[in-house]
PDB file of N, CA and C in Angstrom:
ATOM      1  N   UNK A   1       0.841  -1.181   0.000  1.00  0.00           N
ATOM      2  CA  UNK A   1       0.000   0.000   0.000  1.00  0.00           C
ATOM      3  C   UNK A   1       0.884   1.241   0.000  1.00  0.00           C
ATOM      4  N   UNK A   2       0.459   2.248  -0.726  1.00  0.00           N
ATOM      5  CA  UNK A   2       1.190   3.502  -0.816  1.00  0.00           C
ATOM      6  C   UNK A   2       0.725   4.448   0.288  1.00  0.00           C
ATOM      7  N   UNK A   3       1.572   4.680   1.259  1.00  0.00           N
ATOM      8  CA  UNK A   3       1.216   5.543   2.383  1.00  0.00           C
ATOM      9  C   UNK A   3       1.498   7.011   2.086  1.00  0.00           C
ATOM     10  N   UNK A   4       1.989   7.319   0.891  1.00  0.00           N
ATOM     11  CA  UNK A   4       2.315   8.692   0.526  1.00  0.00           C
ATOM     12  C   UNK A   4       1.189   9.374  -0.256  1.00  0.00           C
ATOM     13  N   UNK A   5       0.018   8.783  -0.270  1.00  0.00           N
ATOM     14  CA  UNK A   5      -1.121   9.363  -0.979  1.00  0.00           C
ATOM     15  C   UNK A   5      -1.541  10.655  -0.275  1.00  0.00           C
ATOM     16  N   UNK A   6      -1.777  11.680  -1.036  1.00  0.00           N
ATOM     17  CA  UNK A   6      -2.200  12.978  -0.529  1.00  0.00           C
ATOM     18  C   UNK A   6      -3.517  12.841   0.246  1.00  0.00           C
ATOM     19  N   UNK A   7      -3.579  13.388   1.437  1.00  0.00           N
ATOM     20  CA  UNK A   7      -4.792  13.286   2.255  1.00  0.00           C
ATOM     21  C   UNK A   7      -5.999  13.962   1.618  1.00  0.00           C
ATOM     22  N   UNK A   8      -5.777  14.938   0.747  1.00  0.00           N
ATOM     23  CA  UNK A   8      -6.897  15.579   0.049  1.00  0.00           C
ATOM     24  C   UNK A   8      -7.630  14.591  -0.854  1.00  0.00           C
ATOM     25  N   UNK A   9      -6.915  13.573  -1.331  1.00  0.00           N
ATOM     26  CA  UNK A   9      -7.563  12.558  -2.158  1.00  0.00           C
ATOM     27  C   UNK A   9      -8.543  11.747  -1.316  1.00  0.00           C
ATOM     28  N   UNK A  10      -8.144  11.381  -0.103  1.00  0.00           N
ATOM     29  CA  UNK A  10      -9.036  10.667   0.801  1.00  0.00           C
ATOM     30  C   UNK A  10     -10.212  11.547   1.221  1.00  0.00           C
ATOM     31  N   UNK A  11      -9.939  12.806   1.420  1.00  0.00           N
ATOM     32  CA  UNK A  11     -10.996  13.764   1.777  1.00  0.00           C
ATOM     33  C   UNK A  11     -12.035  13.837   0.650  1.00  0.00           C
ATOM     34  N   UNK A  12     -11.559  13.874  -0.575  1.00  0.00           N
ATOM     35  CA  UNK A  12     -12.458  13.892  -1.731  1.00  0.00           C
ATOM     36  C   UNK A  12     -13.317  12.637  -1.749  1.00  0.00           C
ATOM     37  N   UNK A  13     -12.687  11.487  -1.536  1.00  0.00           N
ATOM     38  CA  UNK A  13     -13.415  10.216  -1.503  1.00  0.00           C
ATOM     39  C   UNK A  13     -14.501  10.243  -0.424  1.00  0.00           C
ATOM     40  N   UNK A  14     -14.137  10.685   0.763  1.00  0.00           N
ATOM     41  CA  UNK A  14     -15.076  10.736   1.884  1.00  0.00           C
ATOM     42  C   UNK A  14     -16.321  11.551   1.527  1.00  0.00           C
ATOM     43  N   UNK A  15     -16.129  12.735   0.958  1.00  0.00           N
ATOM     44  CA  UNK A  15     -17.270  13.594   0.666  1.00  0.00           C
ATOM     45  C   UNK A  15     -18.103  13.088  -0.502  1.00  0.00           C
ATOM     46  N   UNK A  16     -17.484  12.448  -1.476  1.00  0.00           N
ATOM     47  CA  UNK A  16     -18.261  11.872  -2.581  1.00  0.00           C
ATOM     48  C   UNK A  16     -19.181  10.783  -2.038  1.00  0.00           C
ATOM     49  N   UNK A  17     -18.652   9.941  -1.163  1.00  0.00           N
ATOM     50  CA  UNK A  17     -19.470   8.873  -0.582  1.00  0.00           C
ATOM     51  C   UNK A  17     -20.520   9.461   0.367  1.00  0.00           C
ATOM     52  N   UNK A  18     -20.122  10.409   1.199  1.00  0.00           N
ATOM     53  CA  UNK A  18     -21.050  11.007   2.165  1.00  0.00           C
ATOM     54  C   UNK A  18     -22.256  11.639   1.482  1.00  0.00           C
ATOM     55  N   UNK A  19     -22.019  12.378   0.396  1.00  0.00           N
ATOM     56  CA  UNK A  19     -23.098  13.095  -0.273  1.00  0.00           C
ATOM     57  C   UNK A  19     -23.670  12.353  -1.480  1.00  0.00           C
ATOM     58  N   UNK A  20     -23.105  11.200  -1.803  1.00  0.00           N
ATOM     59  CA  UNK A  20     -23.665  10.372  -2.864  1.00  0.00           C
ATOM     60  C   UNK A  20     -23.474  10.907  -4.262  1.00  0.00           C
ATOM     61  N   UNK A  21     -22.534  11.809  -4.450  1.00  0.00           N
ATOM     62  CA  UNK A  21     -22.293  12.330  -5.783  1.00  0.00           C
ATOM     63  C   UNK A  21     -21.240  13.419  -5.803  1.00  0.00           C
ATOM     64  N   UNK A  22     -20.794  13.723  -6.991  1.00  0.00           N
ATOM     65  CA  UNK A  22     -19.709  14.675  -7.166  1.00  0.00           C
ATOM     66  C   UNK A  22     -20.161  16.125  -7.019  1.00  0.00           C
ATOM     67  N   UNK A  23     -21.383  16.441  -7.430  1.00  0.00           N
ATOM     68  CA  UNK A  23     -21.855  17.821  -7.371  1.00  0.00           C
ATOM     69  C   UNK A  23     -21.951  18.318  -5.930  1.00  0.00           C
ATOM     70  N   UNK A  24     -22.658  17.580  -5.094  1.00  0.00           N
ATOM     71  CA  UNK A  24     -22.813  17.988  -3.696  1.00  0.00           C
ATOM     72  C   UNK A  24     -21.472  17.981  -2.971  1.00  0.00           C
ATOM     73  N   UNK A  25     -20.661  16.974  -3.261  1.00  0.00           N
ATOM     74  CA  UNK A  25     -19.351  16.889  -2.598  1.00  0.00           C
ATOM     75  C   UNK A  25     -18.459  18.063  -2.985  1.00  0.00           C
ATOM     76  N   UNK A  26     -18.435  18.401  -4.255  1.00  0.00           N
ATOM     77  CA  UNK A  26     -17.577  19.511  -4.687  1.00  0.00           C
ATOM     78  C   UNK A  26     -18.052  20.833  -4.092  1.00  0.00           C
ATOM     79  N   UNK A  27     -19.354  21.002  -3.971  1.00  0.00           N
ATOM     80  CA  UNK A  27     -19.885  22.210  -3.330  1.00  0.00           C
ATOM     81  C   UNK A  27     -19.491  22.268  -1.859  1.00  0.00           C
ATOM     82  N   UNK A  28     -19.561  21.145  -1.178  1.00  0.00           N
ATOM     83  CA  UNK A  28     -19.264  21.093   0.250  1.00  0.00           C
ATOM     84  C   UNK A  28     -17.799  21.417   0.548  1.00  0.00           C
ATOM     85  N   UNK A  29     -16.887  20.917  -0.283  1.00  0.00           N
ATOM     86  CA  UNK A  29     -15.464  21.146  -0.013  1.00  0.00           C
ATOM     87  C   UNK A  29     -14.878  22.270  -0.869  1.00  0.00           C
ATOM     88  N   UNK A  30     -15.757  22.954  -1.590  1.00  0.00           N
ATOM     89  CA  UNK A  30     -15.392  24.160  -2.346  1.00  0.00           C
ATOM     90  C   UNK A  30     -14.270  23.943  -3.352  1.00  0.00           C
ATOM     91  N   UNK A  31     -14.429  22.869  -4.164  1.00  0.00           N
ATOM     92  CA  UNK A  31     -13.537  22.664  -5.299  1.00  0.00           C
ATOM     93  C   UNK A  31     -14.402  22.355  -6.518  1.00  0.00           C
ATOM     94  N   UNK A  32     -13.841  22.478  -7.695  1.00  0.00           N
ATOM     95  CA  UNK A  32     -14.620  22.206  -8.899  1.00  0.00           C
ATOM     96  C   UNK A  32     -14.875  20.712  -9.041  1.00  0.00           C
ATOM     97  N   UNK A  33     -15.918  20.381  -9.788  1.00  0.00           N
ATOM     98  CA  UNK A  33     -16.230  18.969 -10.018  1.00  0.00           C
ATOM     99  C   UNK A  33     -15.102  18.274 -10.767  1.00  0.00           C
ATOM    100  N   UNK A  34     -14.473  18.981 -11.690  1.00  0.00           N
ATOM    101  CA  UNK A  34     -13.376  18.356 -12.441  1.00  0.00           C
ATOM    102  C   UNK A  34     -12.178  18.065 -11.537  1.00  0.00           C
ATOM    103  N   UNK A  35     -11.891  18.964 -10.600  1.00  0.00           N
ATOM    104  CA  UNK A  35     -10.808  18.717  -9.642  1.00  0.00           C
ATOM    105  C   UNK A  35     -11.150  17.530  -8.757  1.00  0.00           C
ATOM    106  N   UNK A  36     -12.388  17.477  -8.302  1.00  0.00           N
ATOM    107  CA  UNK A  36     -12.835  16.361  -7.474  1.00  0.00           C
ATOM    108  C   UNK A  36     -12.729  15.048  -8.246  1.00  0.00           C
ATOM    109  N   UNK A  37     -13.187  15.046  -9.465  1.00  0.00           N
ATOM    110  CA  UNK A  37     -13.108  13.849 -10.297  1.00  0.00           C
ATOM    111  C   UNK A  37     -11.651  13.415 -10.513  1.00  0.00           C
ATOM    112  N   UNK A  38     -10.787  14.384 -10.752  1.00  0.00           N
ATOM    113  CA  UNK A  38      -9.367  14.070 -10.921  1.00  0.00           C
ATOM    114  C   UNK A  38      -8.764  13.506  -9.638  1.00  0.00           C
ATOM    115  N   UNK A  39      -9.193  14.027  -8.496  1.00  0.00           N
ATOM    116  CA  UNK A  39      -8.716  13.500  -7.218  1.00  0.00           C
ATOM    117  C   UNK A  39      -9.112  12.037  -7.050  1.00  0.00           C
ATOM    118  N   UNK A  40     -10.353  11.712  -7.399  1.00  0.00           N
ATOM    119  CA  UNK A  40     -10.822  10.331  -7.279  1.00  0.00           C
ATOM    120  C   UNK A  40     -10.058   9.427  -8.235  1.00  0.00           C
ATOM    121  N   UNK A  41      -9.860   9.874  -9.456  1.00  0.00           N
ATOM    122  CA  UNK A  41      -9.101   9.076 -10.434  1.00  0.00           C
ATOM    123  C   UNK A  41      -7.677   8.829  -9.947  1.00  0.00           C
ATOM    124  N   UNK A  42      -7.059   9.863  -9.396  1.00  0.00           N
ATOM    125  CA  UNK A  42      -5.698   9.724  -8.897  1.00  0.00           C
ATOM    126  C   UNK A  42      -5.651   8.757  -7.713  1.00  0.00           C
ATOM    127  N   UNK A  43      -6.611   8.886  -6.802  1.00  0.00           N
ATOM    128  CA  UNK A  43      -6.667   7.975  -5.660  1.00  0.00           C
ATOM    129  C   UNK A  43      -6.817   6.533  -6.137  1.00  0.00           C
ATOM    130  N   UNK A  44      -7.724   6.309  -7.076  1.00  0.00           N
ATOM    131  CA  UNK A  44      -7.947   4.959  -7.578  1.00  0.00           C
ATOM    132  C   UNK A  44      -6.730   4.413  -8.316  1.00  0.00           C
ATOM    133  N   UNK A  45      -5.977   5.286  -8.958  1.00  0.00           N
ATOM    134  CA  UNK A  45      -4.777   4.816  -9.665  1.00  0.00           C
ATOM    135  C   UNK A  45      -3.657   4.432  -8.703  1.00  0.00           C
ATOM    136  N   UNK A  46      -3.687   4.978  -7.497  1.00  0.00           N
ATOM    137  CA  UNK A  46      -2.638   4.714  -6.516  1.00  0.00           C
ATOM    138  C   UNK A  46      -2.986   3.577  -5.555  1.00  0.00           C
ATOM    139  N   UNK A  47      -4.237   3.141  -5.558  1.00  0.00           N
ATOM    140  CA  UNK A  47      -4.670   2.074  -4.659  1.00  0.00           C
ATOM    141  C   UNK A  47      -5.027   0.831  -5.466  1.00  0.00           C
ATOM    142  N   UNK A  48      -4.981  -0.355  -4.827  1.00  0.00           N
ATOM    143  CA  UNK A  48      -5.140  -1.600  -5.583  1.00  0.00           C
ATOM    144  C   UNK A  48      -6.555  -1.931  -6.032  1.00  0.00           C
ATOM    145  N   UNK A  49      -7.574  -1.316  -5.469  1.00  0.00           N
ATOM    146  CA  UNK A  49      -8.960  -1.655  -5.802  1.00  0.00           C
ATOM    147  C   UNK A  49      -9.743  -0.432  -6.234  1.00  0.00           C
ATOM    148  N   UNK A  50     -10.905  -0.682  -6.832  1.00  0.00           N
ATOM    149  CA  UNK A  50     -11.818   0.388  -7.194  1.00  0.00           C
ATOM    150  C   UNK A  50     -12.723   0.658  -5.997  1.00  0.00           C
ATOM    151  N   UNK A  51     -12.758   1.882  -5.519  1.00  0.00           N
ATOM    152  CA  UNK A  51     -13.485   2.209  -4.297  1.00  0.00           C
ATOM    153  C   UNK A  51     -14.755   3.005  -4.509  1.00  0.00           C
ATOM    154  N   UNK A  52     -15.000   3.464  -5.732  1.00  0.00           N
ATOM    155  CA  UNK A  52     -16.191   4.260  -6.032  1.00  0.00           C
ATOM    156  C   UNK A  52     -16.948   3.576  -7.166  1.00  0.00           C
ATOM    157  N   UNK A  53     -18.249   3.480  -7.003  1.00  0.00           N
ATOM    158  CA  UNK A  53     -19.097   2.943  -8.051  1.00  0.00           C
ATOM    159  C   UNK A  53     -20.129   4.016  -8.378  1.00  0.00           C
ATOM    160  N   UNK A  54     -20.133   4.467  -9.617  1.00  0.00           N
ATOM    161  CA  UNK A  54     -21.078   5.490 -10.042  1.00  0.00           C
ATOM    162  C   UNK A  54     -22.152   4.838 -10.895  1.00  0.00           C
ATOM    163  N   UNK A  55     -23.394   5.065 -10.525  1.00  0.00           N
ATOM    164  CA  UNK A  55     -24.521   4.532 -11.269  1.00  0.00           C
ATOM    165  C   UNK A  55     -25.241   5.702 -11.920  1.00  0.00           C
ATOM    166  N   UNK A  56     -24.975   5.918 -13.204  1.00  0.00           N
ATOM    167  CA  UNK A  56     -25.559   7.055 -13.911  1.00  0.00           C
ATOM    168  C   UNK A  56     -27.071   6.908 -14.090  1.00  0.00           C
ATOM    169  N   UNK A  57     -27.559   5.682 -14.107  1.00  0.00           N
ATOM    170  CA  UNK A  57     -28.978   5.459 -14.308  1.00  0.00           C
ATOM    171  C   UNK A  57     -29.810   6.045 -13.171  1.00  0.00           C
ATOM    172  N   UNK A  58     -29.338   5.876 -11.949  1.00  0.00           N
ATOM    173  CA  UNK A  58     -30.073   6.425 -10.806  1.00  0.00           C
ATOM    174  C   UNK A  58     -29.355   7.625 -10.192  1.00  0.00           C
ATOM    175  N   UNK A  59     -28.315   8.083 -10.870  1.00  0.00           N
ATOM    176  CA  UNK A  59     -27.568   9.284 -10.494  1.00  0.00           C
ATOM    177  C   UNK A  59     -27.123   9.267  -9.029  1.00  0.00           C
ATOM    178  N   UNK A  60     -26.395   8.231  -8.689  1.00  0.00           N
ATOM    179  CA  UNK A  60     -25.852   8.129  -7.338  1.00  0.00           C
ATOM    180  C   UNK A  60     -24.447   7.560  -7.391  1.00  0.00           C
ATOM    181  N   UNK A  61     -23.715   7.840  -6.361  1.00  0.00           N
ATOM    182  CA  UNK A  61     -22.350   7.347  -6.227  1.00  0.00           C
ATOM    183  C   UNK A  61     -22.211   6.777  -4.831  1.00  0.00           C
ATOM    184  N   UNK A  62     -21.552   5.644  -4.729  1.00  0.00           N
ATOM    185  CA  UNK A  62     -21.398   5.017  -3.433  1.00  0.00           C
ATOM    186  C   UNK A  62     -20.098   4.251  -3.364  1.00  0.00           C
ATOM    187  N   UNK A  63     -19.687   3.940  -2.151  1.00  0.00           N
ATOM    188  CA  UNK A  63     -18.479   3.161  -1.948  1.00  0.00           C
ATOM    189  C   UNK A  63     -18.742   1.709  -2.314  1.00  0.00           C
ATOM    190  N   UNK A  64     -17.736   1.055  -2.870  1.00  0.00           N
ATOM    191  CA  UNK A  64     -17.834  -0.369  -3.124  1.00  0.00           C
ATOM    192  C   UNK A  64     -17.610  -1.110  -1.814  1.00  0.00           C
ATOM    193  N   UNK A  65     -17.696  -2.411  -1.834  1.00  0.00           N
ATOM    194  CA  UNK A  65     -17.445  -3.178  -0.610  1.00  0.00           C
ATOM    195  C   UNK A  65     -16.003  -3.011  -0.145  1.00  0.00           C
ATOM    196  N   UNK A  66     -15.067  -2.742  -1.067  1.00  0.00           N
ATOM    197  CA  UNK A  66     -13.685  -2.469  -0.694  1.00  0.00           C
ATOM    198  C   UNK A  66     -13.541  -1.102  -0.060  1.00  0.00           C
ATOM    199  N   UNK A  67     -14.413  -0.163  -0.454  1.00  0.00           N
ATOM    200  CA  UNK A  67     -14.315   1.210   0.047  1.00  0.00           C
ATOM    201  C   UNK A  67     -15.084   1.362   1.309  1.00  0.00           C
TER     202      UNK A  67
END
């Protein structure tokens, strides 16, 4: 496991899961949706599993069983 991951990436993950989506999470932590999305992509690239599952059909985002 990479222990050098930026804590802001984990913070982004937490708020996406807490609010169930990128829009509410980005508003809450006052960053753009694209920055938030990039943070999640970077976090997922540095960790061994996929931790976010986005369901566009019902417009929700949630943690996977690994997350």
